[in-house]
Structure formats: structure tokens, C-alpha cells
Amino acid sequence: MTDTGLMMYPEQPGFKNTQTSFVAALDAASEAPKLRLLTLRAIKASENGLTADEAAAVTGESVLSIRPRVTELVKKDLVFDSGQRRPNVSGRKAIVWVAA
């Protein structure tokens, strides 16, 4: 797989060097900007920050769609680790993200 120039992470979803990952990134590309904005707004609106799972719940989107968007927001320096941890759906501690 090669980067065609269309996939510029973090502006566009990233992918691994497999066909399935590349196709998934292409499929996600049209929705990613909207989901990043929804995620950022949710984090900004929260008083105590949000985990990725909490952001998914607030936005009503799948956590599988929101977790990568949080990572993209981190790479863009729009959200950062608050230093707090809260349990996620699996019960493990998750980073609480706050807006920059």
C-alpha cells in the first residue's frame, strides 16, 4: 500500500500497510471530519473531560469510530491527557481527555 496523497494523517484516518486497513481508512474518510468535530465539541462541553468511551456515549456514535478520532485530535494538539483516569466499558482505566 502506498499513500496516494489523499490520506494525510491526522487530517484523514490512518491505516496500516494492509489492503483491509487501507480500504477501512478510505471508507472512514468521509465521516472522520464530522466525527472529530462532534468529539471535540463533546470534550469541550464536559466539565471534567471525557474518556473516548464517554465521548462515544455522549455523541451517540460507536466507540470504534470515536477512539481513532480522539487520537487524531491528540495529534492535532486539540485535546490532551488530563492526567485523570476513569474506568471504560471494559473496566480498565482510560485517559480522561480535555480540550486544549
N, C-alpha and C. Protein backbone atom coordinates (compact mmCIF):
# COMPACT_ATOMS: atom_id res chain seq x y z
N MET A 1 0.84 -1.18 0.00
CA MET A 1 0.00 0.00 0.00
C MET A 1 0.89 1.24 0.00
N THR A 2 0.50 2.18 -0.75
CA THR A 2 1.23 3.44 -0.72
C THR A 2 0.26 4.56 -0.45
N ASP A 3 0.76 5.62 0.12
CA ASP A 3 -0.06 6.79 0.39
C ASP A 3 -0.26 7.52 -0.93
N THR A 4 -1.52 7.68 -1.32
CA THR A 4 -1.83 8.33 -2.59
C THR A 4 -1.81 9.84 -2.48
N GLY A 5 -1.53 10.36 -1.31
CA GLY A 5 -1.59 11.80 -1.12
C GLY A 5 -2.93 12.23 -0.56
N LEU A 6 -3.92 11.36 -0.67
CA LEU A 6 -5.24 11.67 -0.13
C LEU A 6 -5.31 11.40 1.36
N MET A 7 -4.49 10.49 1.83
CA MET A 7 -4.55 10.05 3.22
C MET A 7 -3.44 10.71 4.03
N MET A 8 -3.68 11.87 4.52
CA MET A 8 -2.67 12.61 5.27
C MET A 8 -3.07 12.66 6.75
N TYR A 9 -2.55 11.69 7.52
CA TYR A 9 -2.85 11.58 8.94
C TYR A 9 -2.24 12.76 9.68
N PRO A 10 -2.90 13.41 10.60
CA PRO A 10 -4.19 13.09 11.18
C PRO A 10 -5.39 13.78 10.53
N GLU A 11 -5.17 14.47 9.44
CA GLU A 11 -6.30 15.11 8.76
C GLU A 11 -7.26 14.07 8.19
N GLN A 12 -6.72 12.93 7.80
CA GLN A 12 -7.51 11.81 7.30
C GLN A 12 -7.17 10.58 8.13
N PRO A 13 -8.07 9.62 8.22
CA PRO A 13 -7.79 8.43 9.01
C PRO A 13 -6.51 7.72 8.55
N GLY A 14 -5.77 7.21 9.51
CA GLY A 14 -4.55 6.48 9.21
C GLY A 14 -4.85 5.04 8.85
N PHE A 15 -3.84 4.36 8.36
CA PHE A 15 -4.00 2.95 8.01
C PHE A 15 -2.67 2.24 8.10
N LYS A 16 -2.76 0.93 8.29
CA LYS A 16 -1.56 0.09 8.30
C LYS A 16 -1.31 -0.41 6.88
N ASN A 17 -0.20 -1.06 6.68
CA ASN A 17 0.19 -1.49 5.35
C ASN A 17 -0.51 -2.79 4.94
N THR A 18 -1.84 -2.78 5.00
CA THR A 18 -2.63 -3.90 4.52
C THR A 18 -3.79 -3.35 3.70
N GLN A 19 -4.27 -4.15 2.79
CA GLN A 19 -5.36 -3.71 1.94
C GLN A 19 -6.62 -3.42 2.77
N THR A 20 -6.92 -4.28 3.73
CA THR A 20 -8.14 -4.08 4.51
C THR A 20 -8.06 -2.80 5.34
N SER A 21 -6.90 -2.50 5.90
CA SER A 21 -6.73 -1.28 6.67
C SER A 21 -6.86 -0.05 5.76
N PHE A 22 -6.28 -0.12 4.58
CA PHE A 22 -6.36 0.98 3.63
C PHE A 22 -7.80 1.24 3.21
N VAL A 23 -8.53 0.18 2.90
CA VAL A 23 -9.93 0.31 2.48
C VAL A 23 -10.77 0.87 3.64
N ALA A 24 -10.51 0.41 4.85
CA ALA A 24 -11.25 0.92 6.00
C ALA A 24 -11.00 2.41 6.18
N ALA A 25 -9.75 2.85 5.99
CA ALA A 25 -9.43 4.27 6.11
C ALA A 25 -10.14 5.08 5.03
N LEU A 26 -10.18 4.56 3.83
CA LEU A 26 -10.91 5.24 2.76
C LEU A 26 -12.39 5.36 3.10
N ASP A 27 -12.96 4.28 3.61
CA ASP A 27 -14.37 4.28 3.98
C ASP A 27 -14.66 5.29 5.09
N ALA A 28 -13.75 5.42 6.04
CA ALA A 28 -13.94 6.31 7.19
C ALA A 28 -13.67 7.77 6.85
N ALA A 29 -12.96 8.02 5.77
CA ALA A 29 -12.50 9.38 5.45
C ALA A 29 -13.64 10.40 5.33
N SER A 30 -14.75 10.00 4.77
CA SER A 30 -15.83 10.96 4.57
C SER A 30 -16.51 11.36 5.89
N GLU A 31 -16.55 10.45 6.85
CA GLU A 31 -17.20 10.73 8.13
C GLU A 31 -16.24 11.27 9.19
N ALA A 32 -14.95 11.07 9.02
CA ALA A 32 -13.98 11.43 10.06
C ALA A 32 -14.03 12.90 10.46
N PRO A 33 -14.09 13.85 9.53
CA PRO A 33 -14.12 15.26 9.96
C PRO A 33 -15.33 15.58 10.84
N LYS A 34 -16.50 15.05 10.47
CA LYS A 34 -17.71 15.28 11.26
C LYS A 34 -17.56 14.65 12.65
N LEU A 35 -17.04 13.43 12.70
CA LEU A 35 -16.88 12.75 13.99
C LEU A 35 -15.82 13.41 14.86
N ARG A 36 -14.76 13.92 14.25
CA ARG A 36 -13.75 14.67 15.03
C ARG A 36 -14.38 15.91 15.65
N LEU A 37 -15.19 16.62 14.87
CA LEU A 37 -15.84 17.83 15.38
C LEU A 37 -16.82 17.50 16.49
N LEU A 38 -17.64 16.47 16.31
CA LEU A 38 -18.57 16.05 17.36
C LEU A 38 -17.82 15.67 18.64
N THR A 39 -16.73 14.95 18.47
CA THR A 39 -15.93 14.51 19.62
C THR A 39 -15.31 15.70 20.33
N LEU A 40 -14.73 16.61 19.57
CA LEU A 40 -14.12 17.80 20.16
C LEU A 40 -15.16 18.64 20.90
N ARG A 41 -16.32 18.82 20.30
CA ARG A 41 -17.38 19.59 20.96
C ARG A 41 -17.82 18.92 22.26
N ALA A 42 -17.93 17.60 22.25
CA ALA A 42 -18.34 16.88 23.46
C ALA A 42 -17.29 17.06 24.56
N ILE A 43 -16.04 16.94 24.20
CA ILE A 43 -14.96 17.09 25.20
C ILE A 43 -14.94 18.52 25.73
N LYS A 44 -15.07 19.50 24.84
CA LYS A 44 -15.09 20.90 25.28
C LYS A 44 -16.26 21.20 26.20
N ALA A 45 -17.40 20.60 25.93
CA ALA A 45 -18.61 20.87 26.71
C ALA A 45 -18.61 20.18 28.07
N SER A 46 -17.75 19.21 28.26
CA SER A 46 -17.73 18.47 29.52
C SER A 46 -16.99 19.26 30.59
N GLU A 47 -17.47 19.16 31.81
CA GLU A 47 -16.81 19.86 32.92
C GLU A 47 -15.54 19.18 33.37
N ASN A 48 -15.53 17.85 33.30
CA ASN A 48 -14.40 17.08 33.83
C ASN A 48 -13.69 16.26 32.78
N GLY A 49 -13.82 16.61 31.50
CA GLY A 49 -13.20 15.84 30.44
C GLY A 49 -13.96 14.56 30.19
N LEU A 50 -13.56 13.85 29.16
CA LEU A 50 -14.23 12.60 28.76
C LEU A 50 -13.19 11.56 28.36
N THR A 51 -13.49 10.32 28.66
CA THR A 51 -12.73 9.23 28.06
C THR A 51 -13.26 9.06 26.64
N ALA A 52 -12.57 8.31 25.83
CA ALA A 52 -13.06 8.05 24.47
C ALA A 52 -14.41 7.34 24.51
N ASP A 53 -14.57 6.39 25.45
CA ASP A 53 -15.84 5.69 25.58
C ASP A 53 -16.96 6.65 25.98
N GLU A 54 -16.67 7.56 26.90
CA GLU A 54 -17.66 8.55 27.31
C GLU A 54 -18.01 9.48 26.16
N ALA A 55 -17.01 9.86 25.37
CA ALA A 55 -17.27 10.71 24.21
C ALA A 55 -18.18 9.99 23.21
N ALA A 56 -17.97 8.70 23.04
CA ALA A 56 -18.83 7.92 22.16
C ALA A 56 -20.26 7.92 22.68
N ALA A 57 -20.42 7.73 23.97
CA ALA A 57 -21.76 7.72 24.56
C ALA A 57 -22.44 9.07 24.41
N VAL A 58 -21.71 10.15 24.65
CA VAL A 58 -22.27 11.49 24.53
C VAL A 58 -22.69 11.80 23.10
N THR A 59 -21.87 11.40 22.14
CA THR A 59 -22.17 11.70 20.74
C THR A 59 -23.15 10.72 20.12
N GLY A 60 -23.36 9.57 20.77
CA GLY A 60 -24.24 8.56 20.22
C GLY A 60 -23.60 7.77 19.08
N GLU A 61 -22.29 7.86 19.00
CA GLU A 61 -21.55 7.15 17.94
C GLU A 61 -20.84 5.93 18.52
N SER A 62 -20.42 5.05 17.65
CA SER A 62 -19.70 3.85 18.06
C SER A 62 -18.34 4.22 18.64
N VAL A 63 -17.97 3.56 19.73
CA VAL A 63 -16.65 3.79 20.30
C VAL A 63 -15.57 3.43 19.29
N LEU A 64 -15.86 2.48 18.39
CA LEU A 64 -14.89 2.11 17.37
C LEU A 64 -14.67 3.23 16.36
N SER A 65 -15.63 4.13 16.24
CA SER A 65 -15.48 5.30 15.37
C SER A 65 -14.85 6.47 16.11
N ILE A 66 -15.11 6.55 17.41
CA ILE A 66 -14.66 7.71 18.18
C ILE A 66 -13.23 7.59 18.68
N ARG A 67 -12.81 6.41 19.10
CA ARG A 67 -11.43 6.27 19.62
C ARG A 67 -10.38 6.76 18.62
N PRO A 68 -10.46 6.39 17.34
CA PRO A 68 -9.47 6.91 16.40
C PRO A 68 -9.56 8.43 16.22
N ARG A 69 -10.76 8.98 16.34
CA ARG A 69 -10.91 10.43 16.20
C ARG A 69 -10.25 11.15 17.37
N VAL A 70 -10.33 10.56 18.57
CA VAL A 70 -9.64 11.15 19.72
C VAL A 70 -8.14 11.16 19.46
N THR A 71 -7.61 10.08 18.95
CA THR A 71 -6.18 10.02 18.64
C THR A 71 -5.80 11.09 17.62
N GLU A 72 -6.64 11.30 16.62
CA GLU A 72 -6.38 12.36 15.63
C GLU A 72 -6.42 13.72 16.28
N LEU A 73 -7.35 13.94 17.20
CA LEU A 73 -7.42 15.23 17.91
C LEU A 73 -6.18 15.45 18.77
N VAL A 74 -5.67 14.39 19.36
CA VAL A 74 -4.43 14.49 20.14
C VAL A 74 -3.27 14.89 19.22
N LYS A 75 -3.16 14.23 18.07
CA LYS A 75 -2.09 14.52 17.12
C LYS A 75 -2.18 15.96 16.61
N LYS A 76 -3.39 16.51 16.59
CA LYS A 76 -3.59 17.89 16.13
C LYS A 76 -3.47 18.90 17.28
N ASP A 77 -3.11 18.39 18.49
CA ASP A 77 -2.97 19.23 19.68
C ASP A 77 -4.26 19.95 20.07
N LEU A 78 -5.39 19.32 19.81
CA LEU A 78 -6.69 19.91 20.17
C LEU A 78 -7.23 19.35 21.48
N VAL A 79 -6.78 18.18 21.87
CA VAL A 79 -7.12 17.62 23.18
C VAL A 79 -5.85 17.05 23.79
N PHE A 80 -5.85 16.95 25.12
CA PHE A 80 -4.68 16.39 25.79
C PHE A 80 -5.09 15.61 27.02
N ASP A 81 -4.18 14.80 27.49
CA ASP A 81 -4.36 13.94 28.65
C ASP A 81 -4.45 14.82 29.89
N SER A 82 -5.56 14.70 30.62
CA SER A 82 -5.76 15.50 31.83
C SER A 82 -4.95 14.97 33.01
N GLY A 83 -4.44 13.75 32.88
CA GLY A 83 -3.76 13.11 33.99
C GLY A 83 -4.72 12.26 34.83
N GLN A 84 -6.01 12.42 34.61
CA GLN A 84 -7.02 11.62 35.31
C GLN A 84 -7.28 10.33 34.54
N ARG A 85 -7.78 9.34 35.26
CA ARG A 85 -8.17 8.07 34.66
C ARG A 85 -9.54 7.68 35.22
N ARG A 86 -10.38 7.14 34.33
CA ARG A 86 -11.67 6.59 34.74
C ARG A 86 -11.87 5.26 34.05
N PRO A 87 -12.65 4.37 34.65
CA PRO A 87 -12.89 3.08 34.01
C PRO A 87 -13.66 3.25 32.70
N ASN A 88 -13.27 2.47 31.69
CA ASN A 88 -14.03 2.47 30.45
C ASN A 88 -15.00 1.29 30.49
N VAL A 89 -15.64 1.00 29.38
CA VAL A 89 -16.64 -0.06 29.32
C VAL A 89 -16.08 -1.41 29.77
N SER A 90 -14.82 -1.66 29.46
CA SER A 90 -14.21 -2.95 29.84
C SER A 90 -13.81 -2.98 31.31
N GLY A 91 -13.89 -1.84 32.00
CA GLY A 91 -13.48 -1.77 33.40
C GLY A 91 -12.05 -1.33 33.59
N ARG A 92 -11.31 -1.24 32.50
CA ARG A 92 -9.91 -0.79 32.59
C ARG A 92 -9.87 0.74 32.68
N LYS A 93 -8.79 1.24 33.24
CA LYS A 93 -8.62 2.69 33.36
C LYS A 93 -8.35 3.30 31.99
N ALA A 94 -9.02 4.39 31.72
CA ALA A 94 -8.88 5.09 30.44
C ALA A 94 -8.49 6.53 30.68
N ILE A 95 -7.77 7.09 29.76
CA ILE A 95 -7.37 8.50 29.84
C ILE A 95 -8.60 9.38 29.76
N VAL A 96 -8.63 10.40 30.60
CA VAL A 96 -9.66 11.43 30.52
C VAL A 96 -9.07 12.57 29.71
N TRP A 97 -9.71 12.86 28.59
CA TRP A 97 -9.23 13.89 27.66
C TRP A 97 -9.92 15.22 27.94
N VAL A 98 -9.16 16.32 27.83
CA VAL A 98 -9.70 17.66 27.96
C VAL A 98 -9.25 18.47 26.73
N ALA A 99 -10.03 19.50 26.44
CA ALA A 99 -9.71 20.35 25.29
C ALA A 99 -8.52 21.24 25.59
N ALA A 100 -7.72 21.49 24.57
CA ALA A 100 -6.55 22.34 24.70
C ALA A 100 -6.97 23.79 24.89
